[in-house]
Protein backbone atom coordinates (compact mmCIF):
# COMPACT_ATOMS: atom_id res chain seq x y z
CA UNK A 1 0.00 0.00 0.00
CA UNK A 2 1.24 3.50 -0.84
CA UNK A 3 1.92 5.89 2.06
CA UNK A 4 1.70 9.66 2.43
CA UNK A 5 3.03 12.11 5.00
CA UNK A 6 0.52 14.93 5.48
CA UNK A 7 0.88 18.19 7.40
CA UNK A 8 -2.04 18.76 9.78
CA UNK A 9 -2.95 22.08 8.09
CA UNK A 10 -4.09 20.15 5.02
CA UNK A 11 -7.09 18.91 7.02
CA UNK A 12 -8.53 22.43 7.22
CA UNK A 13 -6.91 24.23 4.28
CA UNK A 14 -7.52 21.63 1.57
CA UNK A 15 -9.94 18.82 2.50
CA UNK A 16 -10.08 17.47 -1.12
CA UNK A 17 -6.51 16.21 -0.64
CA UNK A 18 -7.57 14.01 2.25
CA UNK A 19 -10.56 12.66 0.33
CA UNK A 20 -8.26 11.94 -2.63
CA UNK A 21 -5.93 9.92 -0.40
CA UNK A 22 -8.82 7.95 1.07
CA UNK A 23 -10.43 7.35 -2.33
CA UNK A 24 -7.16 5.91 -3.67
CA UNK A 25 -6.68 3.81 -0.51
CA UNK A 26 -3.41 5.52 0.37
CA UNK A 27 -2.36 5.19 3.99
CA UNK A 28 -1.31 8.51 5.53
CA UNK A 29 0.21 9.99 8.68
CA UNK A 30 -0.46 13.48 10.05
CA UNK A 31 2.44 15.61 11.33
CA UNK A 32 2.31 19.05 12.96
CA UNK A 33 5.52 20.61 11.64
CA UNK A 34 8.69 20.10 9.59
CA UNK A 35 10.69 18.74 12.55
CA UNK A 36 8.17 15.99 13.13
CA UNK A 37 8.09 15.34 9.38
CA UNK A 38 11.88 14.85 9.30
CA UNK A 39 11.66 12.36 12.18
CA UNK A 40 9.14 10.28 10.23
CA UNK A 41 11.25 10.48 7.07
CA UNK A 42 14.21 9.04 8.94
CA UNK A 43 12.16 6.05 10.02
CA UNK A 44 9.92 5.27 7.05
CA UNK A 45 9.70 5.72 3.28
CA UNK A 46 6.74 7.69 1.90
CA UNK A 47 5.43 7.83 -1.67
CA UNK A 48 3.89 11.29 -1.17
CA UNK A 49 4.42 14.34 1.01
CA UNK A 50 1.47 16.74 1.17
CA UNK A 51 2.04 20.29 2.46
CA UNK A 52 -0.57 23.03 2.79
CA UNK A 53 0.42 26.49 4.08
CA UNK A 54 -1.21 29.89 4.51
CA UNK A 55 1.40 31.73 2.40
CA UNK A 56 3.65 30.87 -0.54
CA UNK A 57 6.75 32.04 1.34
CA UNK A 58 5.94 29.60 4.16
CA UNK A 59 5.55 26.86 1.56
CA UNK A 60 8.97 27.54 0.02
CA UNK A 61 10.65 27.61 3.46
CA UNK A 62 8.99 24.31 4.35
CA UNK A 63 10.15 22.64 1.14
CA UNK A 64 13.71 23.91 1.66
CA UNK A 65 13.73 22.36 5.13
CA UNK A 66 12.54 19.02 3.77
CA UNK A 67 14.99 19.08 0.87
CA UNK A 68 17.94 19.69 3.21
CA UNK A 69 17.27 16.31 4.75
CA UNK A 70 19.11 13.41 3.18
CA UNK A 71 16.24 11.28 4.50
CA UNK A 72 13.94 12.46 1.69
CA UNK A 73 13.84 9.77 -0.99
CA UNK A 74 14.34 10.93 -4.56
CA UNK A 75 11.21 8.99 -5.58
CA UNK A 76 8.96 10.78 -3.08
CA UNK A 77 6.37 13.00 -4.79
CA UNK A 78 5.88 16.39 -3.18
CA UNK A 79 2.54 18.23 -3.47
CA UNK A 80 2.39 21.78 -2.08
CA UNK A 81 -0.75 23.93 -1.92
CA UNK A 82 -0.81 27.51 -0.70
CA UNK A 83 -2.20 31.01 -1.41
CA UNK A 84 -1.24 33.95 -3.64
CA UNK A 85 1.45 32.16 -5.63
CA UNK A 86 3.65 34.50 -7.65
CA UNK A 87 5.84 33.62 -10.61
CA UNK A 88 9.04 33.68 -8.53
CA UNK A 89 7.44 31.19 -6.13
CA UNK A 90 6.66 28.86 -9.02
CA UNK A 91 10.19 29.04 -10.39
CA UNK A 92 11.73 28.44 -6.95
CA UNK A 93 9.43 25.47 -6.34
CA UNK A 94 10.39 24.07 -9.74
CA UNK A 95 14.09 24.33 -8.89
CA UNK A 96 13.45 22.63 -5.53
CA UNK A 97 11.85 19.66 -7.27
CA UNK A 98 8.26 20.19 -6.11
CA UNK A 99 6.09 17.91 -8.25
CA UNK A 100 2.93 20.02 -7.91
CA UNK A 101 2.80 23.59 -6.61
CA UNK A 102 -0.58 25.27 -6.89
CA UNK A 103 -3.09 27.61 -5.31
CA UNK A 104 -5.46 26.21 -2.71
CA UNK A 105 -8.29 28.14 -4.37
CA UNK A 106 -7.86 25.99 -7.47
CA UNK A 107 -10.16 23.23 -6.24
CA UNK A 108 -9.12 20.42 -8.54
CA UNK A 109 -9.95 16.80 -8.24
CA UNK A 110 -6.69 15.42 -6.86
CA UNK A 111 -7.45 11.79 -7.61
CA UNK A 112 -5.26 11.77 -10.72
CA UNK A 113 -2.27 12.99 -8.76
CA UNK A 114 -2.14 9.73 -6.86
CA UNK A 115 -2.38 7.50 -9.94
CA UNK A 116 0.71 5.81 -11.40
CA UNK A 117 1.69 7.33 -14.72
CA UNK A 118 0.42 10.85 -14.01
CA UNK A 119 2.82 13.72 -14.67
CA UNK A 120 4.79 14.44 -11.51
CA UNK A 121 7.59 16.57 -12.90
CA UNK A 122 6.28 19.90 -14.21
CA UNK A 123 9.19 21.48 -16.04
CA UNK A 124 10.27 24.37 -18.23
CA UNK A 125 10.44 23.20 -21.85
CA UNK A 126 11.82 24.92 -24.94
CA UNK A 127 9.82 23.94 -28.04
CA UNK A 128 11.38 24.73 -31.43
CA UNK A 129 8.86 24.07 -34.22
CA UNK A 130 8.01 26.18 -37.31
CA UNK A 131 4.76 24.37 -38.12
CA UNK A 132 2.20 26.28 -36.05
CA UNK A 133 -0.41 23.53 -36.09
CA UNK A 134 2.06 20.98 -34.70
CA UNK A 135 3.38 23.53 -32.22
CA UNK A 136 -0.15 24.29 -30.94
CA UNK A 137 -0.87 20.60 -30.46
CA UNK A 138 2.38 20.00 -28.56
CA UNK A 139 1.97 23.12 -26.42
CA UNK A 140 -1.56 22.06 -25.46
CA UNK A 141 -0.39 18.53 -24.61
CA UNK A 142 2.43 19.80 -22.40
CA UNK A 143 0.51 22.59 -20.70
CA UNK A 144 -2.38 20.31 -19.74
CA UNK A 145 0.23 18.41 -17.69
CA UNK A 146 1.49 21.55 -15.94
CA UNK A 147 4.66 22.03 -18.02
CA UNK A 148 5.77 25.58 -18.85
CA UNK A 149 6.40 25.87 -22.59
CA UNK A 150 8.45 28.53 -24.38
CA UNK A 151 7.89 28.31 -28.14
CA UNK A 152 10.23 29.53 -30.89
CA UNK A 153 9.70 28.99 -34.59
CA UNK A 154 13.34 29.37 -35.64
CA UNK A 155 16.67 27.97 -34.50
CA UNK A 156 18.12 31.47 -34.37
CA UNK A 157 15.61 32.79 -31.81
CA UNK A 158 15.77 29.51 -29.86
CA UNK A 159 19.56 29.86 -29.70
CA UNK A 160 19.11 33.28 -28.08
CA UNK A 161 16.68 31.81 -25.55
CA UNK A 162 19.15 29.06 -24.62
CA UNK A 163 21.75 31.71 -23.84
CA UNK A 164 19.43 33.68 -21.55
CA UNK A 165 16.96 31.29 -19.90
CA UNK A 166 17.10 27.99 -17.99
CA UNK A 167 15.32 24.96 -19.49
CA UNK A 168 14.79 21.39 -18.33
CA UNK A 169 14.22 20.00 -21.85
CA UNK A 170 14.46 21.09 -25.47
CA UNK A 171 12.04 19.67 -28.03
CA UNK A 172 13.09 20.54 -31.57
CA UNK A 173 12.27 19.69 -35.14
CA UNK A 174 15.22 19.05 -37.42
CA UNK A 175 14.05 21.15 -40.37
CA UNK A 176 13.25 24.75 -39.45
CA UNK A 177 12.71 28.03 -41.24
CA UNK A 178 15.84 30.11 -41.76
CA UNK A 179 19.47 29.20 -42.34
CA UNK A 180 19.84 27.32 -39.04
CA UNK A 181 18.35 23.94 -38.21
CA UNK A 182 17.61 21.78 -35.22
CA UNK A 183 20.97 20.12 -35.89
CA UNK A 184 22.64 23.47 -35.22
CA UNK A 185 20.91 23.72 -31.82
CA UNK A 186 21.99 20.19 -30.94
CA UNK A 187 25.56 20.97 -31.97
CA UNK A 188 25.51 24.14 -29.84
CA UNK A 189 24.40 22.25 -26.74
CA UNK A 190 26.98 19.56 -27.45
CA UNK A 191 29.76 22.18 -27.66
CA UNK A 192 28.63 23.71 -24.36
CA UNK A 193 28.58 20.24 -22.72
CA UNK A 194 24.88 20.73 -21.91
CA UNK A 195 23.22 18.20 -24.19
CA UNK A 196 22.98 15.01 -22.19
CA UNK A 197 22.59 16.15 -18.57
CA UNK A 198 21.70 19.84 -18.24
CA UNK A 199 19.34 20.25 -21.22
CA UNK A 200 18.35 16.86 -22.66
CA UNK A 201 16.85 17.02 -26.15
CA UNK A 202 13.90 15.28 -27.76
CA UNK A 203 14.01 15.47 -31.57
CA UNK A 204 10.82 15.36 -33.65
CA UNK A 205 11.29 14.61 -37.33
CA UNK A 206 9.53 13.30 -40.40
CA UNK A 207 12.59 11.24 -41.39
CA UNK A 208 12.67 7.63 -40.24
CA UNK A 209 16.07 6.87 -41.75
CA UNK A 210 17.81 4.50 -39.27
CA UNK A 211 21.22 6.02 -40.02
CA UNK A 212 19.94 9.50 -39.13
CA UNK A 213 18.39 8.28 -35.88
CA UNK A 214 21.58 6.44 -34.88
CA UNK A 215 23.59 9.60 -35.65
CA UNK A 216 21.30 11.69 -33.44
CA UNK A 217 21.69 9.29 -30.53
CA UNK A 218 25.47 9.30 -31.02
CA UNK A 219 25.38 13.08 -30.74
CA UNK A 220 23.73 12.70 -27.34
CA UNK A 221 20.03 13.42 -27.90
CA UNK A 222 17.76 11.75 -25.35
CA UNK A 223 15.07 10.49 -27.74
CA UNK A 224 13.65 10.77 -31.25
CA UNK A 225 9.93 10.91 -32.11
CA UNK A 226 8.86 10.25 -35.71
CA UNK A 227 6.01 12.26 -37.25
CA UNK A 228 3.05 12.10 -37.26
CA UNK A 229 3.19 12.83 -33.55
CA UNK A 230 0.77 10.95 -31.30
CA UNK A 231 0.16 13.22 -28.23
CA UNK A 232 0.00 10.37 -25.71
CA UNK A 233 3.20 8.78 -26.99
CA UNK A 234 4.94 12.15 -27.16
CA UNK A 235 4.02 12.91 -23.55
CA UNK A 236 5.33 9.54 -22.37
CA UNK A 237 8.67 10.27 -24.06
CA UNK A 238 8.84 13.69 -22.42
CA UNK A 239 8.01 12.25 -18.99
CA UNK A 240 10.63 9.52 -19.33
CA UNK A 241 13.35 12.04 -20.17
CA UNK A 242 12.36 14.44 -17.38
CA UNK A 243 12.17 11.69 -14.77
CA UNK A 244 15.60 10.37 -15.76
CA UNK A 245 17.03 13.89 -15.52
CA UNK A 246 15.32 14.48 -12.17
CA UNK A 247 16.62 11.24 -10.65
CA UNK A 248 20.13 11.91 -11.96
CA UNK A 249 20.13 15.40 -10.44
CA UNK A 250 18.81 14.10 -7.13
CA UNK A 251 21.45 11.38 -7.03
CA UNK A 252 24.16 13.97 -7.60
CA UNK A 253 22.74 16.15 -4.82
CA UNK A 254 22.59 13.20 -2.44
CA UNK A 255 26.14 12.20 -3.38
CA UNK A 256 27.39 15.71 -2.65
CA UNK A 257 25.59 15.71 0.71
CA UNK A 258 27.10 12.38 1.65
CA UNK A 259 30.56 13.53 0.57
CA UNK A 260 30.21 16.72 2.62
CA UNK A 261 29.05 14.73 5.65
CA UNK A 262 32.02 12.40 5.35
CA UNK A 263 34.57 15.23 5.14
CA UNK A 264 33.23 17.95 7.44
CA UNK A 265 32.61 18.43 11.15
CA UNK A 266 28.87 18.70 11.76
CA UNK A 267 29.13 21.28 14.56
CA UNK A 268 31.52 23.83 13.06
CA UNK A 269 31.24 23.10 9.34
CA UNK A 270 35.03 22.95 8.91
CA UNK A 271 36.85 19.92 7.56
CA UNK A 272 37.21 16.86 9.80
CA UNK A 273 40.20 14.67 10.65
CA UNK A 274 39.59 12.36 7.69
CA UNK A 275 39.99 15.30 5.31
CA UNK A 276 42.99 16.54 7.30
CA UNK A 277 44.83 13.26 6.74
CA UNK A 278 44.29 13.51 2.97
CA UNK A 279 45.27 17.19 2.87
CA UNK A 280 48.50 16.55 4.78
CA UNK A 281 49.33 13.64 2.47
CA UNK A 282 48.90 16.00 -0.49
CA UNK A 283 51.15 18.61 1.11
CA UNK A 284 53.81 15.95 1.75
CA UNK A 285 53.56 14.94 -1.88
CA UNK A 286 53.98 18.57 -3.02
CA UNK A 287 57.04 18.91 -0.81
CA UNK A 288 58.56 15.72 -2.20
CA UNK A 289 57.85 16.46 -5.87
CA UNK A 290 58.02 20.26 -6.10
CA UNK A 291 60.01 21.24 -2.98
CA UNK A 292 56.96 23.27 -1.91
CA UNK A 293 57.09 23.98 1.86
CA UNK A 294 54.02 23.95 4.07
CA UNK A 295 53.20 24.83 7.66
CA UNK A 296 50.88 23.25 10.21
CA UNK A 297 49.27 25.00 13.17
CA UNK A 298 47.77 23.13 16.13
CA UNK A 299 45.25 25.44 17.87
CA UNK A 300 43.96 24.62 21.33
CA UNK A 301 41.38 26.75 23.17
CA UNK A 302 42.74 27.76 26.57
CA UNK A 303 40.78 26.61 29.66
CA UNK A 304 38.00 25.14 27.53
CA UNK A 305 37.07 22.57 30.19
CA UNK A 306 36.55 25.37 32.72
CA UNK A 307 34.29 27.17 30.26
CA UNK A 308 32.22 24.01 29.71
CA UNK A 309 31.93 23.36 33.44
CA UNK A 310 30.92 26.92 34.30
CA UNK A 311 28.74 27.89 31.31
CA UNK A 312 27.62 24.55 29.90
CA UNK A 313 28.33 22.60 26.74
CA UNK A 314 26.05 24.74 24.58
CA UNK A 315 28.21 27.77 25.38
CA UNK A 316 31.25 25.66 24.57
CA UNK A 317 29.75 24.73 21.20
CA UNK A 318 29.20 28.41 20.40
CA UNK A 319 32.85 29.15 21.19
CA UNK A 320 33.98 26.33 18.89
CA UNK A 321 31.87 27.75 16.07
CA UNK A 322 33.17 31.28 16.70
CA UNK A 323 36.82 30.18 16.68
CA UNK A 324 36.16 28.30 13.43
CA UNK A 325 34.60 31.39 11.87
CA UNK A 326 37.43 33.73 12.92
CA UNK A 327 40.08 31.30 11.71
CA UNK A 328 38.42 30.77 8.32
CA UNK A 329 38.42 34.54 7.77
CA UNK A 330 42.14 34.75 8.51
CA UNK A 331 43.42 32.00 6.21
CA UNK A 332 43.63 31.84 2.41
CA UNK A 333 41.47 29.79 0.04
CA UNK A 334 44.40 27.45 -0.58
CA UNK A 335 44.75 26.74 3.17
CA UNK A 336 42.67 24.22 5.13
CA UNK A 337 41.06 24.43 8.56
CA UNK A 338 40.20 21.09 10.20
CA UNK A 339 38.76 20.14 13.56
CA UNK A 340 41.24 17.74 15.10
CA UNK A 341 39.05 16.77 18.03
CA UNK A 342 37.50 18.34 21.14
CA UNK A 343 38.73 21.94 21.37
CA UNK A 344 41.68 21.44 19.00
CA UNK A 345 41.94 22.61 15.41
CA UNK A 346 44.59 22.12 12.75
CA UNK A 347 45.40 24.68 10.06
CA UNK A 348 47.40 23.58 7.02
CA UNK A 349 49.14 26.49 5.28
CA UNK A 350 50.13 25.64 1.72
CA UNK A 351 53.34 26.92 0.11
CA UNK A 352 54.31 28.81 3.25
CA UNK A 353 57.77 29.50 4.72
CA UNK A 354 58.75 29.98 8.39
CA UNK A 355 58.44 33.78 8.42
CA UNK A 356 55.01 33.78 6.76
CA UNK A 357 53.72 30.99 8.99
CA UNK A 358 54.84 32.66 12.22
CA UNK A 359 53.30 35.95 11.15
CA UNK A 360 49.99 34.26 10.31
CA UNK A 361 49.92 32.29 13.59
CA UNK A 362 50.56 35.40 15.73
CA UNK A 363 47.98 37.37 13.78
CA UNK A 364 45.41 34.61 14.33
CA UNK A 365 46.21 34.42 18.06
CA UNK A 366 45.63 38.19 18.46
CA UNK A 367 42.48 38.13 16.33
CA UNK A 368 40.86 35.43 18.49
CA UNK A 369 41.73 37.29 21.70
CA UNK A 370 40.25 40.52 20.32
CA UNK A 371 37.05 39.00 18.93
CA UNK A 372 36.07 36.39 21.52
CA UNK A 373 36.02 35.74 25.26
CA UNK A 374 38.71 33.08 25.03
CA UNK A 375 42.35 32.78 24.05
CA UNK A 376 44.23 30.03 22.23
CA UNK A 377 47.63 28.39 22.37
CA UNK A 378 49.13 27.63 18.97
CA UNK A 379 51.83 25.15 18.09
CA UNK A 380 53.59 25.78 14.78
CA UNK A 381 55.90 23.72 12.61
CA UNK A 382 57.13 24.35 9.06
CA UNK A 383 58.13 21.45 6.84
CA UNK A 384 60.51 22.40 4.06
CA UNK A 385 63.01 19.51 3.83
CA UNK A 386 63.53 15.80 4.61
CA UNK A 387 60.39 14.94 2.70
CA UNK A 388 61.41 11.30 2.37
CA UNK A 389 61.33 10.74 6.14
CA UNK A 390 58.20 12.79 6.77
CA UNK A 391 55.12 10.98 8.05
CA UNK A 392 51.65 12.01 9.23
CA UNK A 393 52.43 10.91 12.78
CA UNK A 394 55.66 12.92 12.81
CA UNK A 395 53.86 16.07 11.65
CA UNK A 396 51.15 15.78 14.27
CA UNK A 397 53.60 14.92 17.05
CA UNK A 398 55.74 17.96 16.18
CA UNK A 399 52.91 20.52 16.20
CA UNK A 400 51.31 18.92 19.25
CA UNK A 401 54.60 19.24 21.15
CA UNK A 402 54.85 22.88 20.11
CA UNK A 403 51.29 23.56 21.24
CA UNK A 404 51.87 22.07 24.71
CA UNK A 405 55.02 24.15 25.02
CA UNK A 406 52.91 27.25 24.35
CA UNK A 407 50.54 26.11 27.12
CA UNK A 408 53.38 25.65 29.62
CA UNK A 409 54.83 29.06 28.80
CA UNK A 410 51.60 30.84 29.83
CA UNK A 411 49.01 30.20 27.07
CA UNK A 412 47.63 32.78 24.59
CA UNK A 413 50.78 32.60 22.48
CA UNK A 414 52.51 30.86 19.58
CA UNK A 415 55.34 28.41 19.96
CA UNK A 416 57.35 27.27 16.94
CA UNK A 417 59.45 24.11 16.62
């Protein structure tokens, strides 16, 4: 049985949704807010999420919250109903992957939404067709399934649209009025590396020559429809392409989220120890191959245990985030800040000599004292020779020793080994 997650507001704002779920024998769970929704999403898989809000801005914020969760399955269909929807709301919802975003006042029969095979991916489509009768038929077919269609009769004007506007799909005839053809548009997208993933293309043509069709697929077009066009078949081709693109994009987003989670510290947002190990290995490699020196700072917050005991761990967390923020502002894009563990951070300064590293460490020490209620002790070591004998353990032992020396000498200072 299919399952739906429904926000409680839907019960009063849009009762037809609830009747549609019951009519289609879809099991559903009510939740009061986005936090409760995320808890359910972590525990169970839902086929539908139904959200009704008083305002369109609330709806967009709610969807953003749900989309930030890696618990949301890419196959889950998201229906959002709200009031006073503006064009910018529609475009934002489209980019967020909302499958239906419409006004509550539009009292449709929602039964079709819950049927397999219905259009769930309203998209922005560029149609390039010089035959007005065919264009009208295709526009009607697409618009009745909530797609936004931009029509151009020539390849030249369509080319201009591709340069200025975002599209999820291009549908083009091969033979067009003017000195440019659909083949020219396909070649343009191919040159821009947009053809297969960013703007997939469905070609419509009166030629059924197998060699031509094979050539089009080799160029990277997603599908080819032979005239005369049957609306139902055409729509199925469009839906297949859009769904494949949607799932590919969602997989890439999920992969990026998982990569970020594996390489960053969840509290401070800086890199974690796993990333630090890889970054130091790269710096050792640069030293060995290119004689490029690098420096490592070990930063320890002074009296952090006292702060936690007196003010609580939440206050300690805020200090960790503040130190991370100050440090990120002080280092270059080519440098790396990593949380080593507890109240300790490691900064890796690329292509940096002893004078530069010491100056940067002292500057950072002063900056933290001036902009926070804590101080730090910093251990510093520069590695510019003996690359063959250098190891990760040796690097960490050296800077750790320097940091403890700074502690023993009175804290709030830099010690270099």
